[in-house]
Amino acid sequence: MALVGIIANPASGKDIRRLVAYGAVFDNLEKVNIVRRVLLSLASTGIREVVFMPDYYGIVPKAAEGISEKHRLQMEVSPADICITGTQRDTLQASLLMASLGVDCIITLGGDGTNRLVAKGCGTIPILPISTGTNNVFSVMVEGTIAGLAGGVVAKGTVSGFPAVQPSKRLIVYKNGEAIDSALIDVVILKDEFIGSRAVWDVERIVQVLVTQGEPHNIGISSIAGNLQPVSAQENCGLTIDFASNGTLVRAPIAPGLIEVVQVNSYRRIMIGERVAIREAPCVIALDGEREIEVQEKDNVFVQLAFDGPQVVNIRSALHEAVGKGYSRLPPAE
């Protein structure tokens, strides 16, 4: 029997960029509404079992409870057996547990940071990332109804492999010879000594950026790459950018409503497997929009591009292929 995991981050869409930019708060009530539509669509594809990440707000239970008697779910919706901490640890622990349970697809609600943590634990399980964060490149804006249908056809094995499910890239950070963390979209080097506020929004602090992808229609730090030399999700390369106080001026949307002009010294494509040294120390390294790593002057740090990130459901391709296989056609009523 197919099993679907749901990880809905109650903290996504609420960071400091609501104060320094013009992003709307993505409240948990709207996440409940999205999950409700996801559950209904999963049920329509024949999914009968869902496991979810528990949280203090109760996003998934409230979604299930709010479904009318007419549309009552013929589905078991169960919490993952983790200890809730209200921190990033919950997302990681939930994804690890779901992998151990053998779920067939994980549907996430959050931003790029949420999916970075899910990717650490999900292994080869396909991720379907619904955007409810601030700066989202990995996760996509999609109606929950459609996301649930795509997740259902992937979980049931109606469709599998490329193009319905596609590989992704990541950037691996090595510190003193050890791989310590990774990012799905961007690694940003900041001329700071302490982590402080986790979200990245002050471009004047940036000295170096590496991206797996970046296009002009993106928002966030990766949009700088998109306005220099666009790189798509499926290209076998990324981009590295060095900044300077007297560099070339480039305009990019780094947060909702916040179009910044940055000064770029140089940029170039990097290939899969290539290692790029961090040229500033001490510094702080941000991964997918959040400051995570402090680097001291004595540390040796480099970043390597790899094409071994999580498998990602391409919603459009998955549904097109499923329709071609007749998933939406029902036998005539007797």
Protein backbone atom coordinates (compact mmCIF):
# COMPACT_ATOMS: atom_id res chain seq x y z
CA MET A 1 0.00 0.00 0.00
CA ALA A 2 1.32 3.42 -0.95
CA LEU A 3 2.35 5.71 1.92
CA VAL A 4 2.73 9.50 1.69
CA GLY A 5 4.57 11.73 4.16
CA ILE A 6 3.62 15.37 4.84
CA ILE A 7 6.04 17.83 6.45
CA ALA A 8 4.43 21.24 7.00
CA ASN A 9 6.76 23.76 8.63
CA PRO A 10 4.74 26.00 11.02
CA ALA A 11 7.59 28.56 11.13
CA SER A 12 7.99 29.14 7.38
CA GLY A 13 6.93 32.49 5.95
CA LYS A 14 7.47 34.47 9.15
CA ASP A 15 11.13 35.53 9.32
CA ILE A 16 12.80 38.97 9.60
CA ARG A 17 12.34 39.65 5.88
CA ARG A 18 8.73 40.60 6.73
CA LEU A 19 10.25 43.62 8.52
CA VAL A 20 13.09 44.58 6.17
CA ALA A 21 11.23 43.81 2.92
CA TYR A 22 7.59 43.53 1.87
CA GLY A 23 6.80 39.85 2.10
CA ALA A 24 3.37 38.79 3.35
CA VAL A 25 3.11 36.58 6.43
CA PHE A 26 2.14 33.04 5.41
CA ASP A 27 0.06 32.08 8.43
CA ASN A 28 -0.58 28.57 9.66
CA LEU A 29 -4.31 28.77 8.97
CA GLU A 30 -3.54 28.99 5.25
CA LYS A 31 -1.19 26.02 5.59
CA VAL A 32 -4.09 24.09 7.15
CA ASN A 33 -6.23 24.96 4.12
CA ILE A 34 -3.50 23.83 1.70
CA VAL A 35 -2.98 20.52 3.53
CA ARG A 36 -6.73 19.90 3.56
CA ARG A 37 -6.80 20.13 -0.24
CA VAL A 38 -3.68 17.96 -0.48
CA LEU A 39 -5.33 15.25 1.64
CA LEU A 40 -8.51 15.27 -0.45
CA SER A 41 -6.52 14.92 -3.67
CA LEU A 42 -4.34 12.15 -2.27
CA ALA A 43 -7.50 10.27 -1.27
CA SER A 44 -8.93 10.67 -4.78
CA THR A 45 -5.87 8.92 -6.23
CA GLY A 46 -6.30 5.97 -3.88
CA ILE A 47 -3.82 6.87 -1.12
CA ARG A 48 -5.09 5.34 2.11
CA GLU A 49 -2.26 6.10 4.52
CA VAL A 50 -0.48 9.36 5.39
CA VAL A 51 2.17 10.02 8.04
CA PHE A 52 2.89 13.61 9.04
CA MET A 53 5.31 15.70 11.08
CA PRO A 54 3.54 16.75 14.31
CA ASP A 55 3.82 20.40 15.37
CA TYR A 56 2.53 22.59 18.19
CA TYR A 57 -0.08 24.26 15.96
CA GLY A 58 -1.45 20.96 14.66
CA ILE A 59 -1.51 21.82 10.96
CA VAL A 60 -2.31 18.37 9.58
CA PRO A 61 -4.79 17.26 12.28
CA LYS A 62 -6.73 20.52 11.88
CA ALA A 63 -6.73 20.00 8.12
CA ALA A 64 -8.19 16.51 8.47
CA GLU A 65 -10.74 17.53 11.11
CA GLY A 66 -12.04 20.37 8.93
CA ILE A 67 -13.17 18.09 6.10
CA SER A 68 -16.94 17.83 5.87
CA GLU A 69 -18.84 14.58 6.38
CA LYS A 70 -19.70 14.54 2.67
CA HIS A 71 -16.00 14.35 1.78
CA ARG A 72 -14.91 12.30 4.79
CA LEU A 73 -11.48 10.74 4.20
CA GLN A 74 -11.16 6.98 3.83
CA MET A 75 -7.59 7.39 4.97
CA GLU A 76 -5.44 6.82 8.03
CA VAL A 77 -3.62 10.05 8.96
CA SER A 78 -0.98 9.41 11.65
CA PRO A 79 1.73 11.51 13.34
CA ALA A 80 5.37 10.55 12.99
CA ASP A 81 6.71 9.24 16.27
CA ILE A 82 9.16 12.06 17.05
CA CYS A 83 9.72 14.28 20.07
CA ILE A 84 8.53 17.81 19.14
CA THR A 85 11.10 20.53 19.89
CA GLY A 86 9.68 23.42 17.86
CA THR A 87 13.03 23.73 16.07
CA GLN A 88 14.64 22.70 12.77
CA ARG A 89 15.36 19.34 14.39
CA ASP A 90 11.70 18.33 14.00
CA THR A 91 11.89 18.56 10.19
CA LEU A 92 15.08 16.51 10.03
CA GLN A 93 13.83 13.86 12.47
CA ALA A 94 10.53 13.56 10.63
CA SER A 95 12.22 13.05 7.27
CA LEU A 96 14.58 10.43 8.72
CA LEU A 97 11.66 8.55 10.26
CA MET A 98 9.64 8.71 7.05
CA ALA A 99 12.59 7.26 5.17
CA SER A 100 12.80 4.40 7.65
CA LEU A 101 9.06 3.77 7.21
CA GLY A 102 9.51 3.54 3.45
CA VAL A 103 7.17 6.35 2.43
CA ASP A 104 6.75 6.66 -1.34
CA CYS A 105 6.65 10.47 -1.56
CA ILE A 106 7.12 13.37 0.88
CA ILE A 107 5.02 16.50 0.36
CA THR A 108 6.55 19.53 2.05
CA LEU A 109 5.15 22.96 2.93
CA GLY A 110 7.92 25.47 3.54
CA GLY A 111 10.73 27.37 1.90
CA ASP A 112 14.13 26.35 0.57
CA GLY A 113 15.47 26.07 4.12
CA THR A 114 12.77 23.57 5.06
CA ASN A 115 13.53 21.41 2.04
CA ARG A 116 17.26 21.54 2.74
CA LEU A 117 16.57 19.80 6.05
CA VAL A 118 14.16 17.29 4.50
CA ALA A 119 16.81 16.47 1.88
CA LYS A 120 19.25 15.50 4.63
CA GLY A 121 17.00 12.70 5.80
CA CYS A 122 14.81 11.57 2.90
CA GLY A 123 17.40 9.60 0.92
CA THR A 124 15.98 8.61 -2.49
CA ILE A 125 12.34 9.35 -1.61
CA PRO A 126 10.86 11.90 -4.05
CA ILE A 127 10.04 15.32 -2.58
CA LEU A 128 7.12 17.45 -3.75
CA PRO A 129 7.87 20.94 -2.35
CA ILE A 130 4.96 23.40 -1.96
CA SER A 131 6.14 26.96 -1.38
CA THR A 132 5.03 28.60 1.89
CA GLY A 133 8.30 30.39 2.67
CA THR A 134 9.91 33.72 1.76
CA ASN A 135 12.57 33.29 -0.92
CA ASN A 136 11.72 30.09 -2.74
CA VAL A 137 13.52 28.56 -5.70
CA PHE A 138 13.51 24.86 -4.84
CA SER A 139 9.91 24.90 -3.60
CA VAL A 140 7.19 25.99 -6.01
CA MET A 141 3.92 27.90 -5.86
CA VAL A 142 1.22 25.36 -6.64
CA GLU A 143 -2.41 24.81 -5.67
CA GLY A 144 -2.63 22.12 -2.98
CA THR A 145 -5.23 20.21 -4.98
CA ILE A 146 -2.82 19.76 -7.89
CA ALA A 147 0.11 18.97 -5.60
CA GLY A 148 -1.91 16.21 -3.95
CA LEU A 149 -2.81 14.66 -7.30
CA ALA A 150 0.84 14.66 -8.42
CA GLY A 151 2.03 13.27 -5.10
CA GLY A 152 -0.57 10.53 -5.30
CA VAL A 153 0.35 9.29 -8.78
CA VAL A 154 4.04 9.24 -7.84
CA ALA A 155 3.45 7.47 -4.52
CA LYS A 156 1.26 4.79 -6.14
CA GLY A 157 3.84 4.18 -8.86
CA THR A 158 1.55 5.29 -11.67
CA VAL A 159 4.52 7.32 -12.86
CA SER A 160 8.18 7.10 -11.88
CA GLY A 161 11.58 8.23 -13.05
CA PHE A 162 12.42 11.09 -15.38
CA PRO A 163 10.70 13.42 -16.30
CA ALA A 164 8.02 12.89 -13.63
CA VAL A 165 10.72 12.68 -10.96
CA GLN A 166 13.92 14.62 -11.57
CA PRO A 167 17.33 14.74 -9.87
CA SER A 168 18.60 17.93 -8.24
CA LYS A 169 21.92 19.55 -7.43
CA ARG A 170 23.41 20.58 -4.12
CA LEU A 171 26.44 22.46 -2.77
CA ILE A 172 28.46 20.57 -0.14
CA VAL A 173 30.43 22.60 2.41
CA TYR A 174 33.73 21.09 3.58
CA LYS A 175 35.46 22.44 6.67
CA ASN A 176 38.95 21.21 7.51
CA GLY A 177 38.50 18.19 5.24
CA GLU A 178 35.07 17.14 6.55
CA ALA A 179 31.72 17.56 4.80
CA ILE A 180 29.68 19.41 7.42
CA ASP A 181 26.55 20.62 5.62
CA SER A 182 24.97 21.33 2.25
CA ALA A 183 22.59 23.66 0.41
CA LEU A 184 20.09 23.01 -2.36
CA ILE A 185 20.16 26.48 -3.95
CA ASP A 186 22.82 28.82 -2.61
CA VAL A 187 25.81 29.16 -0.31
CA VAL A 188 26.42 32.76 0.75
CA ILE A 189 29.63 33.97 2.41
CA LEU A 190 29.13 36.95 4.74
CA LYS A 191 31.78 39.16 6.32
CA ASP A 192 30.53 38.46 9.82
CA GLU A 193 32.03 36.57 12.74
CA PHE A 194 28.84 35.39 14.46
CA ILE A 195 25.59 33.93 13.16
CA GLY A 196 23.22 36.45 14.78
CA SER A 197 19.95 36.83 12.85
CA ARG A 198 19.58 33.70 10.73
CA ALA A 199 17.95 35.18 7.64
CA VAL A 200 20.12 36.81 4.98
CA TRP A 201 18.88 40.19 3.76
CA ASP A 202 21.77 42.72 3.93
CA VAL A 203 23.63 42.46 0.60
CA GLU A 204 26.40 44.76 1.83
CA ARG A 205 27.65 41.91 4.03
CA ILE A 206 27.99 39.46 1.11
CA VAL A 207 31.47 38.73 -0.26
CA GLN A 208 30.91 35.50 -2.21
CA VAL A 209 27.97 33.43 -3.50
CA LEU A 210 27.73 29.97 -5.05
CA VAL A 211 24.49 28.70 -6.59
CA THR A 212 23.20 25.43 -8.03
CA GLN A 213 20.68 27.41 -10.07
CA GLY A 214 19.55 30.98 -10.60
CA GLU A 215 17.23 32.59 -13.12
CA PRO A 216 15.88 36.11 -13.67
CA HIS A 217 12.40 35.10 -12.48
CA ASN A 218 13.73 33.79 -9.14
CA ILE A 219 13.64 35.79 -5.92
CA GLY A 220 16.40 35.74 -3.30
CA ILE A 221 20.18 35.72 -3.48
CA SER A 222 20.16 33.26 -6.37
CA SER A 223 18.43 35.93 -8.48
CA ILE A 224 21.79 37.73 -8.62
CA ALA A 225 23.13 34.78 -10.60
CA GLY A 226 19.99 34.84 -12.72
CA ASN A 227 20.66 38.45 -13.67
CA LEU A 228 24.31 37.73 -14.51
CA GLN A 229 24.36 34.34 -16.24
CA PRO A 230 21.23 32.23 -15.75
CA VAL A 231 21.67 28.59 -14.72
CA SER A 232 18.72 26.17 -14.78
CA ALA A 233 17.97 23.37 -12.34
CA GLN A 234 18.91 20.64 -14.84
CA GLU A 235 22.15 22.10 -16.22
CA ASN A 236 25.37 20.27 -15.27
CA CYS A 237 26.86 23.39 -13.70
CA GLY A 238 26.39 26.16 -11.17
CA LEU A 239 27.76 29.68 -10.74
CA THR A 240 30.22 31.30 -8.36
CA ILE A 241 30.18 35.08 -7.81
CA ASP A 242 32.70 37.34 -6.07
CA PHE A 243 31.61 40.76 -4.83
CA ALA A 244 33.63 43.98 -4.53
CA SER A 245 32.96 47.58 -3.43
CA ASN A 246 33.99 48.90 -6.84
CA GLY A 247 32.52 46.17 -9.05
CA THR A 248 29.98 46.03 -11.84
CA LEU A 249 26.50 47.09 -10.74
CA VAL A 250 23.78 44.44 -11.04
CA ARG A 251 20.12 44.79 -10.09
CA ALA A 252 18.28 41.79 -8.58
CA PRO A 253 15.15 41.02 -6.49
CA ILE A 254 16.65 39.61 -3.28
CA ALA A 255 13.42 39.65 -1.23
CA PRO A 256 9.73 40.43 -1.81
CA GLY A 257 9.51 44.02 -3.03
CA LEU A 258 13.22 44.55 -2.38
CA ILE A 259 15.16 45.20 -5.59
CA GLU A 260 18.80 45.73 -4.65
CA VAL A 261 21.83 46.89 -6.62
CA VAL A 262 24.91 44.79 -5.85
CA GLN A 263 28.52 45.23 -6.94
CA VAL A 264 29.98 42.16 -8.63
CA ASN A 265 33.72 41.77 -9.13
CA SER A 266 33.66 38.51 -11.14
CA TYR A 267 31.58 35.42 -11.86
CA ARG A 268 31.99 32.13 -13.68
CA ARG A 269 30.33 28.78 -14.15
CA ILE A 270 31.43 25.87 -11.98
CA MET A 271 31.11 22.24 -13.04
CA ILE A 272 29.85 19.16 -11.21
CA GLY A 273 32.56 17.95 -8.83
CA GLU A 274 34.45 21.25 -8.88
CA ARG A 275 35.67 22.67 -5.57
CA VAL A 276 35.65 26.42 -4.86
CA ALA A 277 37.63 27.83 -1.94
CA ILE A 278 36.08 30.31 0.47
CA ARG A 279 38.18 33.46 0.18
CA GLU A 280 37.02 35.28 3.34
CA ALA A 281 37.87 34.32 6.93
CA PRO A 282 36.60 34.79 9.51
CA CYS A 283 33.11 34.67 8.03
CA VAL A 284 29.63 33.24 8.40
CA ILE A 285 28.19 30.87 5.79
CA ALA A 286 24.48 30.94 5.00
CA LEU A 287 22.80 27.92 3.42
CA ASP A 288 19.61 28.45 1.42
CA GLY A 289 18.96 31.79 3.06
CA GLU A 290 19.87 31.01 6.69
CA ARG A 291 23.15 31.59 8.52
CA GLU A 292 24.42 28.23 9.71
CA ILE A 293 28.24 28.00 9.88
CA GLU A 294 30.87 30.15 11.60
CA VAL A 295 34.35 30.03 10.03
CA GLN A 296 37.51 31.04 11.87
CA GLU A 297 40.67 32.39 10.27
CA LYS A 298 42.50 29.09 10.79
CA ASP A 299 39.81 27.00 9.07
CA ASN A 300 40.18 25.57 5.57
CA VAL A 301 36.80 25.71 3.83
CA PHE A 302 35.68 24.91 0.31
CA VAL A 303 32.37 24.19 -1.46
CA GLN A 304 31.78 21.41 -3.99
CA LEU A 305 28.96 21.21 -6.54
CA ALA A 306 27.27 17.81 -6.84
CA PHE A 307 24.30 16.39 -8.76
CA ASP A 308 23.25 14.06 -5.94
CA GLY A 309 20.54 16.16 -4.30
CA PRO A 310 17.04 14.86 -3.57
CA GLN A 311 14.70 13.49 -6.22
CA VAL A 312 12.02 16.10 -6.97
CA VAL A 313 8.51 15.60 -8.36
CA ASN A 314 7.93 17.67 -11.49
CA ILE A 315 4.21 18.27 -11.06
CA ARG A 316 3.44 19.13 -14.67
CA SER A 317 5.36 16.16 -16.10
CA ALA A 318 4.00 13.72 -13.52
CA LEU A 319 0.38 14.58 -14.26
CA HIS A 320 0.87 14.66 -18.04
CA GLU A 321 2.41 11.17 -17.93
CA ALA A 322 -0.29 9.89 -15.56
CA VAL A 323 -3.06 11.11 -17.87
CA GLY A 324 -1.33 9.37 -20.77
CA LYS A 325 -1.51 6.16 -18.75
CA GLY A 326 -5.22 6.65 -18.12
CA TYR A 327 -5.12 7.39 -14.38
CA SER A 328 -8.00 9.89 -14.60
CA ARG A 329 -10.35 7.60 -16.56
CA LEU A 330 -12.82 5.59 -14.50
CA PRO A 331 -14.74 2.46 -15.55
CA PRO A 332 -18.36 3.10 -16.60
CA ALA A 333 -20.95 2.97 -13.84
CA GLU A 334 -22.88 -0.26 -13.69
